[in-house]
N, C-alpha and C. Protein backbone atom coordinates (compact mmCIF):
# COMPACT_ATOMS: atom_id res chain seq x y z
N MET A 1 0.88 -1.22 -0.04
CA MET A 1 -0.05 0.10 0.10
C MET A 1 1.12 1.31 -0.29
N GLY A 2 1.87 1.00 0.91
CA GLY A 2 2.65 2.20 0.97
C GLY A 2 3.44 2.70 -0.38
N PHE A 3 3.99 1.44 -1.12
CA PHE A 3 4.69 1.66 -2.29
C PHE A 3 3.75 2.11 -3.33
N THR A 4 2.47 1.84 -3.33
CA THR A 4 1.49 2.10 -4.27
C THR A 4 1.37 3.52 -4.12
N LEU A 5 1.21 4.27 -2.91
CA LEU A 5 1.01 5.70 -2.64
C LEU A 5 2.02 6.24 -3.19
N HIS A 6 3.23 5.95 -3.04
CA HIS A 6 4.69 6.57 -2.87
C HIS A 6 4.53 6.76 -4.64
N ARG A 7 4.40 5.70 -5.47
CA ARG A 7 4.39 5.99 -6.92
C ARG A 7 3.32 6.88 -7.48
N LEU A 8 2.15 6.83 -6.68
CA LEU A 8 1.11 7.76 -7.10
C LEU A 8 1.54 9.01 -6.81
N LYS A 9 2.26 9.39 -5.70
CA LYS A 9 2.75 10.73 -5.47
C LYS A 9 3.94 11.25 -6.45
N LYS A 10 4.92 10.20 -6.70
CA LYS A 10 5.48 10.67 -7.80
C LYS A 10 5.10 10.99 -9.27
N ARG A 11 4.15 10.02 -9.40
CA ARG A 11 3.28 10.50 -10.70
C ARG A 11 2.79 11.78 -11.08
N LEU A 12 1.89 12.18 -9.86
CA LEU A 12 1.33 13.19 -9.26
C LEU A 12 2.10 14.53 -9.75
N ALA A 13 3.49 14.44 -9.11
CA ALA A 13 4.58 15.41 -8.91
C ALA A 13 4.91 15.67 -10.39
N ALA A 14 5.12 14.58 -11.12
CA ALA A 14 5.55 14.86 -12.19
C ALA A 14 4.43 15.17 -13.47
N ALA A 15 3.47 14.87 -13.15
CA ALA A 15 2.39 15.64 -13.71
C ALA A 15 2.29 17.08 -13.63
N VAL A 16 2.35 17.44 -12.31
CA VAL A 16 2.26 18.81 -11.88
C VAL A 16 3.28 19.65 -12.40
N ALA A 17 4.70 19.09 -12.17
CA ALA A 17 6.06 19.69 -13.03
C ALA A 17 5.69 19.88 -14.72
N TYR A 18 5.16 18.62 -15.06
CA TYR A 18 4.92 18.87 -16.76
C TYR A 18 4.06 20.03 -17.20
N THR A 19 2.97 19.93 -16.25
CA THR A 19 1.78 20.99 -16.56
C THR A 19 2.47 22.17 -16.42
N ALA A 20 3.26 22.59 -15.57
CA ALA A 20 3.82 24.02 -14.80
C ALA A 20 4.54 24.21 -16.06
N ASP A 21 5.55 23.28 -16.79
CA ASP A 21 6.25 23.48 -17.86
C ASP A 21 5.75 23.88 -19.03
N TRP A 22 4.86 23.70 -19.24
CA TRP A 22 3.65 23.64 -20.63
C TRP A 22 3.25 25.36 -20.33
N ALA A 23 2.61 25.52 -19.07
CA ALA A 23 2.00 26.79 -18.73
C ALA A 23 3.09 27.67 -18.68
N LEU A 24 4.35 27.42 -18.03
CA LEU A 24 5.42 28.63 -18.36
C LEU A 24 5.76 29.04 -19.91
N PHE A 25 5.90 27.56 -20.65
CA PHE A 25 5.89 27.83 -22.07
C PHE A 25 5.11 28.69 -22.76
N ILE A 26 3.77 28.44 -22.61
CA ILE A 26 2.78 29.09 -23.26
C ILE A 26 2.76 30.38 -22.49
N GLY A 27 2.86 30.64 -21.29
CA GLY A 27 3.08 31.92 -20.78
C GLY A 27 4.02 32.91 -21.41
N VAL A 28 5.11 32.27 -21.93
CA VAL A 28 6.29 32.90 -22.36
C VAL A 28 5.89 33.37 -23.98
N VAL A 29 5.44 32.40 -24.55
CA VAL A 29 5.18 32.47 -25.91
C VAL A 29 3.97 33.74 -26.08
N LEU A 30 2.73 33.52 -25.36
CA LEU A 30 2.04 34.44 -25.11
C LEU A 30 2.78 36.02 -25.25
N ILE A 31 3.25 36.21 -24.00
CA ILE A 31 3.92 37.57 -23.74
C ILE A 31 4.79 38.01 -24.80
N LEU A 32 5.88 36.96 -25.27
CA LEU A 32 6.56 37.51 -26.61
C LEU A 32 5.57 37.68 -27.59
N GLY A 33 4.52 37.13 -27.98
CA GLY A 33 3.93 37.24 -29.09
C GLY A 33 3.15 38.57 -28.77
N LEU A 34 2.26 38.79 -27.85
CA LEU A 34 1.75 40.37 -27.62
C LEU A 34 2.53 41.44 -27.63
N GLY A 35 3.87 41.08 -26.78
CA GLY A 35 4.68 42.16 -26.58
C GLY A 35 5.53 42.57 -27.98
N SER A 36 5.71 41.72 -29.21
CA SER A 36 6.22 41.95 -30.15
C SER A 36 5.10 42.60 -31.00
N SER A 37 3.87 41.98 -30.88
CA SER A 37 2.84 42.78 -31.77
C SER A 37 2.62 44.05 -31.28
N TRP A 38 2.60 44.52 -29.99
CA TRP A 38 2.34 45.58 -29.44
C TRP A 38 3.33 46.64 -29.93
N TYR A 39 4.51 46.19 -29.75
CA TYR A 39 5.80 47.08 -30.40
C TYR A 39 5.51 47.23 -31.79
N MET A 40 5.40 46.32 -32.50
CA MET A 40 4.88 46.27 -34.12
C MET A 40 4.01 47.58 -34.48
N ILE A 41 2.89 47.69 -33.59
CA ILE A 41 1.78 48.32 -33.94
C ILE A 41 2.17 50.13 -33.27
N GLU A 42 2.78 49.83 -32.04
CA GLU A 42 3.11 51.29 -31.51
C GLU A 42 3.95 51.78 -32.14
N ARG A 43 5.29 50.98 -32.04
CA ARG A 43 6.50 51.78 -32.64
C ARG A 43 7.02 51.49 -34.32
N GLY A 44 6.61 50.32 -34.96
CA GLY A 44 6.66 50.04 -36.02
C GLY A 44 7.99 49.40 -35.83
N SER A 45 8.54 48.91 -37.78
CA SER A 45 9.87 48.28 -37.57
C SER A 45 10.23 49.10 -39.04
N PRO A 46 11.56 48.47 -39.46
CA PRO A 46 12.16 49.02 -40.79
C PRO A 46 11.19 48.79 -41.95
N LEU A 47 10.32 47.62 -41.49
CA LEU A 47 9.50 47.38 -43.18
C LEU A 47 8.22 48.52 -42.99
N THR A 48 8.07 48.93 -42.06
CA THR A 48 6.92 49.79 -41.96
C THR A 48 6.89 51.42 -41.65
N THR A 49 7.95 51.72 -41.21
CA THR A 49 8.20 52.95 -40.75
C THR A 49 9.78 53.50 -41.63
N LEU A 50 9.96 54.88 -41.70
CA LEU A 50 10.94 55.37 -41.94
C LEU A 50 11.59 55.91 -40.77
N THR A 51 13.09 56.14 -40.14
CA THR A 51 13.32 57.00 -39.37
C THR A 51 14.33 57.68 -39.58
N ALA A 52 14.47 58.99 -39.44
CA ALA A 52 15.59 59.69 -39.38
C ALA A 52 15.68 60.75 -38.39
N GLY A 53 16.88 60.57 -37.44
CA GLY A 53 16.81 60.97 -36.34
C GLY A 53 15.56 61.08 -35.45
N PRO A 54 14.91 61.97 -34.90
CA PRO A 54 14.15 61.97 -33.96
C PRO A 54 12.86 61.51 -34.52
N TRP A 55 12.64 61.59 -35.87
CA TRP A 55 11.42 61.53 -36.72
C TRP A 55 11.01 60.25 -37.36
N VAL A 56 9.96 60.08 -37.26
CA VAL A 56 9.36 58.67 -37.89
C VAL A 56 7.89 58.51 -38.45
N SER A 57 8.16 58.12 -39.76
CA SER A 57 7.05 58.09 -40.71
C SER A 57 6.43 56.86 -40.75
N TRP A 58 5.18 56.48 -40.88
CA TRP A 58 4.41 55.25 -41.43
C TRP A 58 4.52 55.53 -43.00
N VAL A 59 5.37 54.48 -43.59
CA VAL A 59 5.41 54.91 -44.83
C VAL A 59 4.16 54.38 -45.92
N SER A 60 3.25 53.67 -45.44
CA SER A 60 1.99 53.23 -45.95
C SER A 60 0.97 53.92 -45.33
N ALA A 61 0.97 54.80 -44.74
CA ALA A 61 -0.03 55.28 -44.06
C ALA A 61 -1.56 55.65 -44.79
N ALA A 62 -2.51 55.11 -44.23
CA ALA A 62 -3.83 55.56 -45.06
C ALA A 62 -3.72 55.19 -46.46
N ARG A 63 -2.98 54.28 -47.00
CA ARG A 63 -3.30 53.79 -48.19
C ARG A 63 -3.69 52.55 -48.18
N VAL A 64 -4.68 52.26 -49.66
CA VAL A 64 -5.54 50.95 -49.52
C VAL A 64 -4.58 49.58 -49.17
N ASP A 65 -3.41 49.65 -49.86
CA ASP A 65 -2.54 48.74 -49.65
C ASP A 65 -1.59 48.63 -48.27
N SER A 66 -2.03 49.38 -47.51
CA SER A 66 -1.29 49.64 -46.42
C SER A 66 -1.11 47.86 -45.35
N ASP A 67 -0.27 47.50 -44.78
CA ASP A 67 -0.10 46.43 -44.03
C ASP A 67 -0.89 46.72 -42.81
N PRO A 68 -1.52 45.36 -42.42
CA PRO A 68 -2.06 45.19 -41.11
C PRO A 68 -1.68 46.01 -39.84
N TYR A 69 -0.25 46.02 -39.68
CA TYR A 69 0.37 46.77 -38.48
C TYR A 69 0.04 48.19 -38.72
N THR A 70 0.24 48.91 -39.95
CA THR A 70 -0.15 50.35 -40.21
C THR A 70 -1.38 50.69 -39.69
N ARG A 71 -2.38 49.72 -40.43
CA ARG A 71 -3.69 49.88 -39.90
C ARG A 71 -3.87 50.02 -38.89
N ALA A 72 -3.51 48.96 -38.06
CA ALA A 72 -3.72 48.94 -36.41
C ALA A 72 -3.16 49.89 -35.57
N HIS A 73 -2.23 50.57 -36.24
CA HIS A 73 -1.52 51.85 -35.63
C HIS A 73 -2.42 52.95 -35.53
N GLU A 74 -3.18 53.14 -36.74
CA GLU A 74 -3.93 54.17 -36.91
C GLU A 74 -5.11 53.99 -36.18
N ALA A 75 -5.59 52.64 -36.31
CA ALA A 75 -7.05 52.38 -35.26
C ALA A 75 -6.80 52.62 -34.00
N ARG A 76 -5.61 52.23 -33.30
CA ARG A 76 -5.40 52.46 -31.89
C ARG A 76 -5.23 53.91 -31.66
N LEU A 77 -4.40 54.69 -32.39
CA LEU A 77 -4.39 56.15 -32.18
C LEU A 77 -5.81 56.79 -32.34
N GLY A 78 -6.83 56.14 -33.40
CA GLY A 78 -7.94 56.93 -33.54
C GLY A 78 -7.79 57.99 -34.61
N ILE A 79 -6.64 57.67 -35.46
CA ILE A 79 -6.44 59.01 -36.42
C ILE A 79 -6.83 58.85 -37.81
N LEU A 80 -6.87 59.78 -38.59
CA LEU A 80 -7.19 59.48 -39.96
C LEU A 80 -6.19 60.28 -40.67
N PRO A 81 -4.81 59.77 -41.01
CA PRO A 81 -4.11 60.39 -41.55
C PRO A 81 -3.86 60.86 -43.00
N LEU A 82 -3.31 61.70 -43.46
CA LEU A 82 -3.23 61.79 -45.26
C LEU A 82 -2.34 60.62 -45.65
N SER A 83 -3.00 60.13 -47.01
CA SER A 83 -2.33 59.11 -47.59
C SER A 83 -0.88 59.60 -47.94
N THR A 84 0.01 58.43 -47.86
CA THR A 84 1.12 58.85 -48.13
C THR A 84 1.52 58.87 -49.69
N GLU A 85 0.43 58.92 -50.47
CA GLU A 85 0.42 59.20 -51.63
C GLU A 85 0.15 60.43 -52.41
N ILE A 86 0.01 61.34 -51.24
CA ILE A 86 -0.29 62.82 -51.42
C ILE A 86 0.67 63.56 -50.51
N ALA A 87 0.84 63.03 -49.56
CA ALA A 87 1.58 63.67 -48.34
C ALA A 87 2.47 62.66 -47.60
N GLN A 88 3.66 63.41 -46.74
CA GLN A 88 4.16 62.46 -45.82
C GLN A 88 4.43 63.19 -44.82
N THR A 89 4.05 62.32 -43.39
CA THR A 89 4.00 63.09 -42.28
C THR A 89 4.84 62.37 -41.12
N PHE A 90 5.90 63.03 -40.77
CA PHE A 90 6.85 62.94 -39.79
C PHE A 90 6.34 63.07 -38.25
N ILE A 91 6.79 62.20 -37.30
CA ILE A 91 6.25 62.85 -36.05
C ILE A 91 7.70 62.54 -34.98
N ALA A 92 8.03 63.57 -34.27
CA ALA A 92 8.88 63.14 -33.30
C ALA A 92 8.84 63.40 -31.85
N ARG A 93 8.96 62.59 -31.01
CA ARG A 93 8.47 62.41 -29.78
C ARG A 93 9.67 62.56 -28.53
N THR A 94 10.92 62.95 -29.52
CA THR A 94 12.23 63.14 -28.71
C THR A 94 12.86 64.20 -29.31
N ASP A 95 13.98 64.78 -29.03
CA ASP A 95 14.89 65.57 -29.15
C ASP A 95 15.88 65.02 -30.22
N SER A 96 16.64 65.78 -30.87
CA SER A 96 17.68 65.15 -31.70
C SER A 96 18.77 64.26 -30.87
N GLU A 97 18.61 64.31 -29.81
CA GLU A 97 19.58 63.61 -28.99
C GLU A 97 18.86 62.29 -28.41
N GLY A 98 17.75 62.17 -28.50
CA GLY A 98 17.02 61.07 -27.86
C GLY A 98 15.72 61.45 -26.67
N ARG A 99 16.01 62.51 -26.04
CA ARG A 99 15.35 62.75 -24.94
C ARG A 99 13.85 63.14 -25.26
N ALA A 100 13.19 62.75 -24.45
CA ALA A 100 11.51 62.82 -24.51
C ALA A 100 11.47 64.52 -24.61
N LEU A 101 10.31 64.85 -25.69
CA LEU A 101 9.99 66.16 -25.34
C LEU A 101 9.06 66.52 -24.39
N HIS A 102 9.48 67.37 -23.72
CA HIS A 102 8.41 68.03 -22.41
C HIS A 102 8.46 69.29 -22.31
N SER A 103 7.09 70.07 -21.93
CA SER A 103 6.74 71.37 -21.98
C SER A 103 7.56 71.87 -21.15
N SER A 104 8.38 71.27 -19.97
CA SER A 104 9.33 72.05 -18.86
C SER A 104 10.34 72.50 -19.58
N CYS A 105 10.74 72.20 -21.03
CA CYS A 105 11.95 72.65 -21.44
C CYS A 105 11.50 73.60 -22.77
N ASP A 106 12.47 74.24 -23.20
CA ASP A 106 12.41 74.88 -24.37
C ASP A 106 13.34 74.24 -25.62
N TYR A 107 12.50 74.55 -26.86
CA TYR A 107 13.35 73.72 -27.78
C TYR A 107 13.45 74.69 -29.32
N ALA A 108 14.55 74.57 -29.69
CA ALA A 108 14.77 75.19 -31.11
C ALA A 108 14.55 74.01 -32.17
N VAL A 109 13.70 74.44 -33.04
CA VAL A 109 13.51 73.53 -34.26
C VAL A 109 14.22 74.01 -35.43
N GLU A 110 15.07 73.77 -36.13
CA GLU A 110 15.71 74.29 -37.15
C GLU A 110 15.73 73.24 -38.46
N GLY A 111 15.15 73.99 -39.47
CA GLY A 111 15.04 73.59 -40.65
C GLY A 111 15.34 74.00 -41.99
N HIS A 112 14.93 73.31 -43.00
CA HIS A 112 15.19 74.09 -44.52
C HIS A 112 14.19 74.18 -45.12
N GLU A 113 13.90 75.54 -45.77
CA GLU A 113 12.56 75.54 -46.45
C GLU A 113 12.46 74.54 -47.65
N LEU A 114 11.30 74.36 -48.02
CA LEU A 114 11.27 73.26 -49.11
C LEU A 114 10.34 74.24 -50.00
N PRO A 115 10.86 74.84 -51.21
CA PRO A 115 10.30 76.24 -51.83
C PRO A 115 9.40 74.97 -52.91
N THR A 116 9.31 73.87 -53.02
CA THR A 116 8.53 73.10 -54.18
C THR A 116 7.43 72.59 -53.62
N HIS A 117 7.61 72.65 -52.11
CA HIS A 117 6.57 71.86 -51.77
C HIS A 117 5.67 72.62 -50.26
N TRP A 118 4.70 72.35 -50.29
CA TRP A 118 3.78 73.02 -48.95
C TRP A 118 3.88 72.17 -47.61
N TRP A 119 4.32 72.48 -46.65
CA TRP A 119 4.45 71.80 -45.50
C TRP A 119 4.20 72.64 -44.03
N SER A 120 4.09 71.84 -43.22
CA SER A 120 3.45 72.51 -41.70
C SER A 120 4.42 71.76 -40.79
N LEU A 121 4.65 72.41 -39.57
CA LEU A 121 5.05 72.08 -38.56
C LEU A 121 4.05 72.37 -37.31
N THR A 122 3.82 71.52 -36.63
CA THR A 122 2.44 71.59 -35.46
C THR A 122 3.03 70.74 -34.29
N VAL A 123 2.64 71.32 -33.22
CA VAL A 123 2.84 70.80 -31.85
C VAL A 123 1.67 70.19 -31.23
N PHE A 124 1.68 69.19 -30.48
CA PHE A 124 0.67 68.34 -29.79
C PHE A 124 1.30 67.78 -28.43
N ASP A 125 -0.08 67.51 -27.53
CA ASP A 125 0.28 66.88 -26.48
C ASP A 125 0.56 65.23 -26.72
N ALA A 126 0.64 64.57 -25.90
CA ALA A 126 1.20 63.15 -25.88
C ALA A 126 -0.14 62.69 -26.26
N GLN A 127 -1.13 63.29 -26.22
CA GLN A 127 -2.35 62.32 -26.57
C GLN A 127 -3.16 62.81 -28.04
N GLY A 128 -1.99 63.83 -28.51
CA GLY A 128 -2.41 63.94 -30.04
C GLY A 128 -3.37 65.10 -29.71
N ARG A 129 -3.56 65.93 -28.81
CA ARG A 129 -4.44 66.89 -28.82
C ARG A 129 -3.76 68.56 -28.73
N LEU A 130 -4.37 69.43 -29.62
CA LEU A 130 -3.64 70.92 -29.84
C LEU A 130 -3.48 71.19 -28.24
N ILE A 131 -2.31 72.22 -28.17
CA ILE A 131 -2.20 72.75 -26.89
C ILE A 131 -2.87 74.08 -26.59
N PRO A 132 -3.89 74.24 -25.65
CA PRO A 132 -4.58 75.48 -25.45
C PRO A 132 -3.60 76.55 -25.02
N ASN A 133 -3.65 77.75 -25.75
CA ASN A 133 -2.76 79.04 -25.47
C ASN A 133 -3.75 80.20 -25.86
N THR A 134 -3.34 81.37 -25.61
CA THR A 134 -4.13 82.79 -25.35
C THR A 134 -4.03 83.09 -27.19
N LEU A 135 -3.04 82.54 -28.00
CA LEU A 135 -3.10 83.19 -29.12
C LEU A 135 -3.52 81.95 -29.97
N GLY A 136 -3.83 80.90 -29.55
CA GLY A 136 -4.70 79.95 -30.34
C GLY A 136 -3.72 79.54 -31.62
N ARG A 137 -2.49 79.50 -30.98
CA ARG A 137 -1.30 79.32 -32.03
C ARG A 137 -0.94 77.79 -31.65
N SER A 138 -0.57 76.91 -32.77
CA SER A 138 -0.11 75.25 -32.76
C SER A 138 0.56 75.09 -33.65
N ALA A 139 0.82 75.88 -34.59
CA ALA A 139 1.24 75.31 -36.03
C ALA A 139 2.02 76.77 -36.82
N TYR A 140 2.79 76.18 -37.58
CA TYR A 140 3.50 77.26 -38.68
C TYR A 140 3.36 76.15 -40.08
N THR A 141 3.20 77.05 -41.04
CA THR A 141 2.99 76.19 -42.31
C THR A 141 4.30 76.99 -43.28
N SER A 142 4.59 76.60 -44.41
CA SER A 142 5.50 77.21 -45.24
C SER A 142 4.90 78.62 -45.90
N ASP A 143 3.59 78.68 -45.44
CA ASP A 143 3.03 80.10 -45.76
C ASP A 143 3.03 80.92 -44.89
N THR A 144 3.42 80.70 -43.37
CA THR A 144 3.28 81.42 -42.42
C THR A 144 4.91 81.43 -41.39
N MET A 145 5.63 80.51 -41.93
CA MET A 145 7.07 80.16 -41.03
C MET A 145 7.73 81.78 -41.69
N ALA A 146 8.60 82.40 -40.59
CA ALA A 146 9.62 83.44 -41.20
C ALA A 146 10.59 82.79 -41.36
N ILE A 147 11.08 82.87 -42.82
CA ILE A 147 12.24 82.13 -43.29
C ILE A 147 13.43 82.96 -43.68
N ARG A 148 14.47 82.38 -42.81
CA ARG A 148 15.86 83.32 -42.80
C ARG A 148 16.19 83.80 -44.40
N GLY A 149 17.18 84.62 -44.53
CA GLY A 149 17.62 84.58 -45.96
C GLY A 149 18.37 83.55 -46.75
N ASN A 150 18.79 82.72 -45.61
CA ASN A 150 19.67 81.52 -46.33
C ASN A 150 18.55 80.56 -46.38
N GLY A 151 17.45 80.36 -46.48
CA GLY A 151 16.43 79.42 -46.60
C GLY A 151 16.24 78.44 -45.46
N THR A 152 16.45 78.68 -44.51
CA THR A 152 16.54 77.81 -43.34
C THR A 152 15.49 78.81 -42.47
N PHE A 153 15.07 77.93 -41.53
CA PHE A 153 14.00 78.56 -40.53
C PHE A 153 14.38 78.07 -39.00
N LEU A 154 13.74 78.98 -38.00
CA LEU A 154 13.84 78.66 -36.79
C LEU A 154 12.67 78.62 -35.78
N ALA A 155 12.24 77.69 -35.42
CA ALA A 155 10.93 77.63 -34.50
C ALA A 155 11.14 77.45 -33.15
N THR A 156 10.69 78.02 -32.18
CA THR A 156 10.82 78.07 -30.79
C THR A 156 9.79 77.42 -29.94
N LEU A 157 9.85 76.23 -29.28
CA LEU A 157 8.90 75.58 -28.30
C LEU A 157 9.16 76.32 -26.97
N SER A 158 8.18 76.99 -26.45
CA SER A 158 8.47 77.57 -25.09
C SER A 158 7.66 77.86 -24.44
N ARG A 159 7.51 77.71 -23.19
CA ARG A 159 6.32 78.13 -22.16
C ARG A 159 6.22 79.74 -22.37
N ASP A 160 7.32 80.52 -22.57
CA ASP A 160 7.33 81.92 -22.31
C ASP A 160 7.13 82.21 -23.94
N ALA A 161 6.95 83.59 -23.94
CA ALA A 161 6.67 84.23 -25.13
C ALA A 161 8.49 84.23 -25.84
N HIS A 162 8.67 84.00 -27.21
CA HIS A 162 9.78 84.51 -27.77
C HIS A 162 9.56 85.19 -29.19
N PRO A 163 10.49 86.12 -29.85
CA PRO A 163 10.31 86.42 -30.86
C PRO A 163 10.78 85.57 -31.91
N GLY A 164 9.91 86.24 -33.12
CA GLY A 164 9.67 85.02 -34.24
C GLY A 164 8.99 83.94 -34.18
N ASN A 165 9.19 82.72 -34.73
CA ASN A 165 8.09 81.68 -34.74
C ASN A 165 8.13 81.00 -33.31
N TRP A 166 7.11 81.56 -32.73
CA TRP A 166 7.14 81.03 -31.38
C TRP A 166 5.89 80.09 -31.37
N LEU A 167 6.06 78.67 -30.76
CA LEU A 167 4.95 77.96 -30.44
C LEU A 167 4.55 77.61 -28.97
N PRO A 168 3.73 78.07 -28.42
CA PRO A 168 3.39 78.03 -27.04
C PRO A 168 2.99 76.29 -26.29
N ILE A 169 3.94 75.91 -25.42
CA ILE A 169 3.83 74.54 -24.95
C ILE A 169 3.68 74.42 -23.58
N GLY A 170 3.24 75.49 -23.06
CA GLY A 170 2.91 75.48 -21.36
C GLY A 170 2.00 74.53 -20.73
N GLY A 171 2.22 73.92 -19.74
CA GLY A 171 1.53 72.91 -19.26
C GLY A 171 1.12 71.63 -19.78
N ALA A 172 1.67 71.44 -21.02
CA ALA A 172 0.92 70.32 -21.85
C ALA A 172 1.86 69.02 -21.35
N GLY A 173 2.92 69.04 -20.43
CA GLY A 173 3.59 67.72 -20.33
C GLY A 173 4.12 67.27 -21.66
N ARG A 174 4.09 65.96 -21.90
CA ARG A 174 5.10 65.25 -22.90
C ARG A 174 4.14 65.70 -24.30
N LEU A 175 5.31 66.24 -25.17
CA LEU A 175 5.05 66.59 -26.56
C LEU A 175 4.92 65.94 -27.66
N ALA A 176 4.52 65.99 -28.83
CA ALA A 176 4.77 65.33 -30.09
C ALA A 176 4.89 66.34 -30.97
N LEU A 177 6.14 66.37 -31.95
CA LEU A 177 6.06 67.30 -33.14
C LEU A 177 5.40 66.70 -34.10
N VAL A 178 4.95 67.36 -35.23
CA VAL A 178 4.50 66.61 -36.39
C VAL A 178 5.02 67.80 -37.51
N PHE A 179 5.85 66.92 -38.51
CA PHE A 179 6.12 67.69 -39.73
C PHE A 179 5.51 67.17 -40.85
N THR A 180 4.69 67.49 -41.55
CA THR A 180 4.06 66.96 -42.98
C THR A 180 4.33 67.83 -44.36
N VAL A 181 4.53 66.94 -45.19
CA VAL A 181 5.29 67.60 -46.44
C VAL A 181 4.11 67.22 -47.44
N LEU A 182 3.35 68.18 -48.24
CA LEU A 182 2.23 67.82 -49.06
C LEU A 182 2.56 67.71 -50.47
N ASP A 183 2.46 66.86 -50.93
CA ASP A 183 2.41 66.66 -52.71
C ASP A 183 4.15 66.46 -52.63
N HIS A 184 4.76 65.55 -51.86
CA HIS A 184 5.99 65.61 -51.43
C HIS A 184 7.02 65.40 -53.17
N GLY A 185 6.54 64.37 -53.82
CA GLY A 185 7.10 63.92 -55.08
C GLY A 185 8.21 63.57 -55.13
N SER A 186 9.32 64.00 -54.38
CA SER A 186 10.73 64.08 -54.34
C SER A 186 11.09 62.38 -53.66
N ARG A 187 11.88 61.67 -54.20
CA ARG A 187 12.12 60.47 -53.35
C ARG A 187 13.21 60.71 -52.42
N SER A 188 14.18 62.10 -52.29
CA SER A 188 14.71 62.42 -51.61
C SER A 188 14.00 62.76 -50.24
N LEU A 189 12.82 62.78 -50.14
CA LEU A 189 11.92 62.88 -48.78
C LEU A 189 11.68 61.55 -48.13
N THR A 190 11.83 60.67 -48.83
CA THR A 190 11.17 59.21 -48.16
C THR A 190 12.22 58.09 -48.69
N GLN A 191 13.33 58.32 -49.06
CA GLN A 191 14.21 57.42 -49.18
C GLN A 191 15.58 57.38 -48.29
N GLY A 192 15.66 56.43 -47.28
CA GLY A 192 16.75 56.36 -46.45
C GLY A 192 17.50 57.52 -46.03
N GLU A 193 18.87 57.76 -46.04
CA GLU A 193 19.27 58.66 -45.13
C GLU A 193 19.23 60.09 -45.87
N GLU A 194 19.05 59.93 -47.33
CA GLU A 194 18.72 61.20 -47.85
C GLU A 194 17.74 62.34 -47.38
N VAL A 195 16.82 61.30 -46.51
CA VAL A 195 15.78 62.12 -45.76
C VAL A 195 16.23 63.31 -44.81
N VAL A 196 17.24 63.00 -44.22
CA VAL A 196 17.89 63.60 -43.12
C VAL A 196 18.26 65.55 -43.35
N PRO A 197 18.58 65.79 -44.46
CA PRO A 197 18.99 67.13 -44.56
C PRO A 197 17.62 67.94 -44.72
N PHE A 198 16.37 67.14 -44.87
CA PHE A 198 15.36 67.84 -45.18
C PHE A 198 14.43 67.80 -43.94
N LEU A 199 14.66 67.41 -42.96
CA LEU A 199 13.95 67.27 -41.56
C LEU A 199 14.65 68.05 -40.72
N PRO A 200 13.95 68.79 -39.85
CA PRO A 200 14.36 69.74 -38.76
C PRO A 200 14.87 69.10 -37.57
N ALA A 201 16.00 69.83 -37.29
CA ALA A 201 16.51 69.11 -36.01
C ALA A 201 16.10 69.79 -34.98
N VAL A 202 15.74 68.89 -33.66
CA VAL A 202 15.14 69.60 -32.34
C VAL A 202 16.12 69.25 -31.34
N THR A 203 16.58 70.49 -31.22
CA THR A 203 17.59 70.96 -30.09
C THR A 203 16.93 71.31 -28.81
N ARG A 204 17.33 70.61 -27.57
CA ARG A 204 16.83 70.85 -26.31
C ARG A 204 17.59 72.41 -25.89
N LYS A 205 17.01 73.48 -25.09
CA LYS A 205 17.79 74.70 -24.86
C LYS A 205 17.64 74.61 -22.99
N ASP A 206 16.89 75.46 -22.57
CA ASP A 206 16.61 75.47 -21.37
C ASP A 206 15.73 74.44 -20.72
N CYS A 207 15.82 73.93 -19.46
CA CYS A 207 14.95 73.48 -18.85
C CYS A 207 14.54 73.92 -17.25
């Protein structure tokens, strides 16, 4: 009787261990699967996004032939972006050194004029909402941005008023910058490292 009970205990222990191993395996697979899916939807990959400095663009956004991860990204954010067939939208949530954008700091956004294209620079909070301010100002476009004589521009993101192209960001917390180029047409705006000279640098100043 004692021998039989001992064998039953061993078999039960083996079954529990076997079940635990399978449960652990399935748990790891689920975590890795869900984690990788979340990353692909939230951040994208070289197959779905173009990255240049702090700027990220979903290369097939709003296209009828866009991939499932791009569609899931748009659905999760609840956005209706312009199709990449007519425009390219770049989003920056960090400065050019990789530090998260925050309204407690001032930033200089410097870029080049694109005389053959209409473009805009807009600042949002982390939830994609425009930042309330007394001026009602959240964006500059190629029509309203003051351009320097050498064809470059400087926009300042700050809580306090600044001369020139100032975008108020007081009290917003985390920030997102959106640079949109309409009717880009040029491969140099969307192909590899050639995009870098056309996108603004984002430099953190005072905090």
